[in-house]
C-alpha cells in the first residue's frame, strides 16, 4: 500500500484529504492497515475486490 497525496505544490496540507491509496499485489484474504497523519485505513482483499475502510 502506498498513499499518494493530493497536493503537490506545497508541503503543508492535510495529507489524508484526497489521498489515493495504491494497492499492489495484496494476496487474497490478506488485510493491511495504513496510517496517514491521524487517519487509519483498513484494507482487505477478497477474491477480485479490495475494500478500504477509514477509521
Protein backbone atom coordinates (compact mmCIF):
# COMPACT_ATOMS: atom_id res chain seq x y z
CA UNK A 1 0.00 0.00 0.00
CA UNK A 2 1.35 3.40 -0.97
CA UNK A 3 -0.52 6.58 -0.09
CA UNK A 4 -0.27 9.30 -2.75
CA UNK A 5 -1.03 12.87 -1.66
CA UNK A 6 -3.49 15.09 -3.48
CA UNK A 7 -1.38 18.26 -3.24
CA UNK A 8 1.99 18.64 -4.96
CA UNK A 9 2.67 22.38 -4.76
CA UNK A 10 3.34 22.73 -1.01
CA UNK A 11 4.38 20.55 1.95
CA UNK A 12 1.79 21.79 4.49
CA UNK A 13 -1.63 20.24 3.81
CA UNK A 14 -3.99 17.65 5.26
CA UNK A 15 -2.29 14.51 3.92
CA UNK A 16 -5.38 12.32 4.36
CA UNK A 17 -7.68 14.71 2.46
CA UNK A 18 -8.00 13.44 -1.11
CA UNK A 19 -5.34 10.76 -0.63
CA UNK A 20 -5.13 7.95 -3.19
CA UNK A 21 -4.15 4.52 -1.86
CA UNK A 22 -2.18 2.48 -4.38
CA UNK A 23 -2.65 -1.24 -3.69
CA UNK A 24 -0.09 -3.60 -5.20
CA UNK A 25 -0.03 -7.41 -5.00
CA UNK A 26 -2.28 -7.81 -1.97
CA UNK A 27 -2.91 -11.55 -1.59
CA UNK A 28 -6.44 -12.93 -1.49
CA UNK A 29 -7.68 -12.87 2.10
CA UNK A 30 -4.94 -10.51 3.22
CA UNK A 31 -5.61 -7.33 5.17
CA UNK A 32 -3.38 -4.37 5.94
CA UNK A 33 -3.60 -1.16 7.94
CA UNK A 34 -2.18 2.11 6.64
CA UNK A 35 -1.89 5.27 8.71
CA UNK A 36 -1.74 8.70 7.09
CA UNK A 37 -1.32 11.56 9.57
CA UNK A 38 -4.05 10.64 12.04
CA UNK A 39 -6.27 8.71 9.62
CA UNK A 40 -6.24 4.92 9.64
CA UNK A 41 -7.22 2.94 6.53
CA UNK A 42 -8.03 -0.78 6.82
CA UNK A 43 -7.82 -2.66 3.52
CA UNK A 44 -8.88 -6.26 2.88
CA UNK A 45 -8.84 -8.23 -0.34
CA UNK A 46 -11.36 -10.98 -1.09
CA UNK A 47 -11.38 -12.69 -4.46
CA UNK A 48 -11.04 -9.88 -7.03
CA UNK A 49 -12.12 -6.93 -4.85
CA UNK A 50 -10.33 -4.79 -2.28
CA UNK A 51 -12.36 -2.98 0.37
CA UNK A 52 -10.99 0.07 2.19
CA UNK A 53 -12.47 1.45 5.42
CA UNK A 54 -11.44 4.71 7.04
CA UNK A 55 -11.35 4.75 10.82
